[in-house]
Amino acid sequence: MWKLVSGRIIQTTDETRIKFRTNISQEILEKLEELSERHNTHSNYLLENGLWNVLAAGVIEYDKNLRPVDRIQYKTTYDKELLESVKEFAKDHKLFINDVIEYSVGYIDFKDIKTKEHKNRLES
């Protein structure tokens, strides 16, 4: 992100985002990559959108017996507040965080997603 400071534009780190590593289905990640290209966004923005929507619904129906077997390590950044809420939501529903992340893919609202340009925004 960029900030306007004393009439000058400087690049800064977005302090509201934190790094997070988990294991997610490779098939789901490939699907997200296709969707992100089609919608001019990034995979983690799609996941964040789906996660916000799952949290807003407050309900999750997840069959632990159907967990994907093709999980691979996935590292990205998330909104700090969102990730804390997802951790609590997963704990309350006796699930793993990656279960909730994978489930959230079905709740992405493509009318309300951040574009690739979001990370290069200018804030004052």
Protein backbone atom coordinates (compact mmCIF):
# COMPACT_ATOMS: atom_id res chain seq x y z
CA MET A 1 0.00 0.00 0.00
CA TRP A 2 1.10 3.57 -0.56
CA LYS A 3 0.62 6.53 1.77
CA LEU A 4 0.75 10.24 1.19
CA VAL A 5 3.04 11.72 3.87
CA SER A 6 4.01 15.40 3.85
CA GLY A 7 3.22 15.65 0.16
CA ARG A 8 5.32 12.59 -0.74
CA ILE A 9 4.14 9.11 -1.67
CA ILE A 10 5.85 6.31 0.28
CA GLN A 11 5.33 2.55 0.18
CA THR A 12 4.32 1.00 3.51
CA THR A 13 3.32 -2.37 4.87
CA ASP A 14 -0.37 -2.85 5.56
CA GLU A 15 -0.36 -3.42 9.32
CA THR A 16 -3.87 -4.90 9.22
CA ARG A 17 -2.56 -7.99 7.39
CA ILE A 18 -0.69 -10.94 8.88
CA LYS A 19 1.08 -13.92 7.35
CA PHE A 20 -0.54 -17.31 7.81
CA ARG A 21 0.41 -20.80 6.68
CA THR A 22 -1.94 -23.76 6.45
CA ASN A 23 -2.66 -26.78 4.27
CA ILE A 24 -5.36 -26.50 1.64
CA SER A 25 -6.58 -28.79 -1.12
CA GLN A 26 -4.46 -28.44 -4.25
CA GLU A 27 -7.59 -28.81 -6.38
CA ILE A 28 -9.25 -25.92 -4.55
CA LEU A 29 -6.13 -23.75 -4.94
CA GLU A 30 -6.04 -24.44 -8.69
CA LYS A 31 -9.72 -23.52 -8.94
CA LEU A 32 -9.03 -20.30 -7.00
CA GLU A 33 -6.17 -19.40 -9.35
CA GLU A 34 -8.49 -19.76 -12.36
CA LEU A 35 -11.17 -17.68 -10.66
CA SER A 36 -8.71 -15.00 -9.60
CA GLU A 37 -7.45 -14.61 -13.18
CA ARG A 38 -11.00 -14.38 -14.49
CA HIS A 39 -11.98 -11.76 -11.89
CA ASN A 40 -8.75 -9.69 -11.78
CA THR A 41 -8.02 -10.51 -8.17
CA HIS A 42 -5.82 -12.72 -5.98
CA SER A 43 -6.69 -16.09 -4.46
CA ASN A 44 -6.41 -14.83 -0.90
CA TYR A 45 -8.85 -11.98 -1.64
CA LEU A 46 -11.33 -14.59 -2.86
CA LEU A 47 -10.80 -16.66 0.28
CA GLU A 48 -11.22 -13.61 2.50
CA ASN A 49 -14.49 -12.76 0.80
CA GLY A 50 -15.80 -16.29 1.31
CA LEU A 51 -14.64 -16.33 4.93
CA TRP A 52 -16.40 -13.05 5.74
CA ASN A 53 -19.59 -14.50 4.23
CA VAL A 54 -19.33 -17.76 6.21
CA LEU A 55 -18.74 -15.79 9.42
CA ALA A 56 -21.72 -13.55 8.64
CA ALA A 57 -23.92 -16.63 8.19
CA GLY A 58 -22.62 -18.03 11.47
CA VAL A 59 -23.34 -21.60 10.37
CA ILE A 60 -21.17 -24.30 8.86
CA GLU A 61 -22.13 -27.80 7.76
CA TYR A 62 -18.90 -29.69 7.29
CA ASP A 63 -18.46 -33.47 7.01
CA LYS A 64 -15.05 -34.28 8.49
CA ASN A 65 -15.10 -37.62 6.64
CA LEU A 66 -14.95 -35.78 3.32
CA ARG A 67 -11.75 -33.84 4.02
CA PRO A 68 -9.57 -33.55 0.90
CA VAL A 69 -6.55 -35.84 0.70
CA ASP A 70 -4.62 -33.57 -1.69
CA ARG A 71 -3.77 -30.83 0.80
CA ILE A 72 -0.58 -28.86 0.23
CA GLN A 73 1.04 -26.03 2.18
CA TYR A 74 -0.37 -22.60 1.37
CA LYS A 75 1.16 -19.37 2.68
CA THR A 76 -0.46 -15.99 2.25
CA THR A 77 -1.61 -12.95 4.19
CA TYR A 78 -5.02 -12.34 5.70
CA ASP A 79 -6.77 -9.47 7.39
CA LYS A 80 -5.76 -9.77 11.07
CA GLU A 81 -9.31 -9.32 12.40
CA LEU A 82 -10.69 -11.85 9.93
CA LEU A 83 -8.12 -14.50 10.80
CA GLU A 84 -8.75 -14.12 14.52
CA SER A 85 -12.50 -14.49 13.90
CA VAL A 86 -11.94 -17.57 11.72
CA LYS A 87 -9.77 -19.17 14.43
CA GLU A 88 -12.51 -18.62 17.01
CA PHE A 89 -15.23 -19.83 14.60
CA ALA A 90 -13.27 -23.01 13.84
CA LYS A 91 -12.71 -23.66 17.54
CA ASP A 92 -16.40 -23.10 18.35
CA HIS A 93 -17.41 -25.58 15.63
CA LYS A 94 -14.67 -28.11 16.51
CA LEU A 95 -13.02 -27.79 13.11
CA PHE A 96 -9.57 -26.96 11.83
CA ILE A 97 -8.95 -23.54 10.30
CA ASN A 98 -8.16 -25.10 6.92
CA ASP A 99 -11.56 -26.86 6.99
CA VAL A 100 -13.26 -23.47 7.34
CA ILE A 101 -11.05 -21.91 4.65
CA GLU A 102 -11.85 -24.68 2.16
CA TYR A 103 -15.54 -24.52 3.01
CA SER A 104 -15.58 -20.76 2.43
CA VAL A 105 -14.83 -21.16 -1.28
CA GLY A 106 -18.50 -21.96 -1.81
CA TYR A 107 -19.46 -18.59 -0.30
CA ILE A 108 -17.44 -16.21 -2.44
CA ASP A 109 -19.48 -13.23 -3.64
CA PHE A 110 -17.90 -12.22 -6.95
CA LYS A 111 -19.79 -8.92 -6.94
CA ASP A 112 -17.90 -7.79 -3.84
CA ILE A 113 -14.22 -8.76 -4.16
CA LYS A 114 -11.02 -6.74 -3.98
CA THR A 115 -9.14 -6.40 -7.27
CA LYS A 116 -5.41 -6.90 -7.81
CA GLU A 117 -4.96 -3.14 -7.59
CA HIS A 118 -6.14 -3.10 -3.96
CA LYS A 119 -2.67 -3.79 -2.60
CA ASN A 120 -1.32 -0.78 -4.53
CA ARG A 121 -3.95 1.62 -3.21
CA LEU A 122 -3.10 5.10 -2.00
CA GLU A 123 -4.15 6.05 1.51
CA SER A 124 -3.66 9.38 3.21
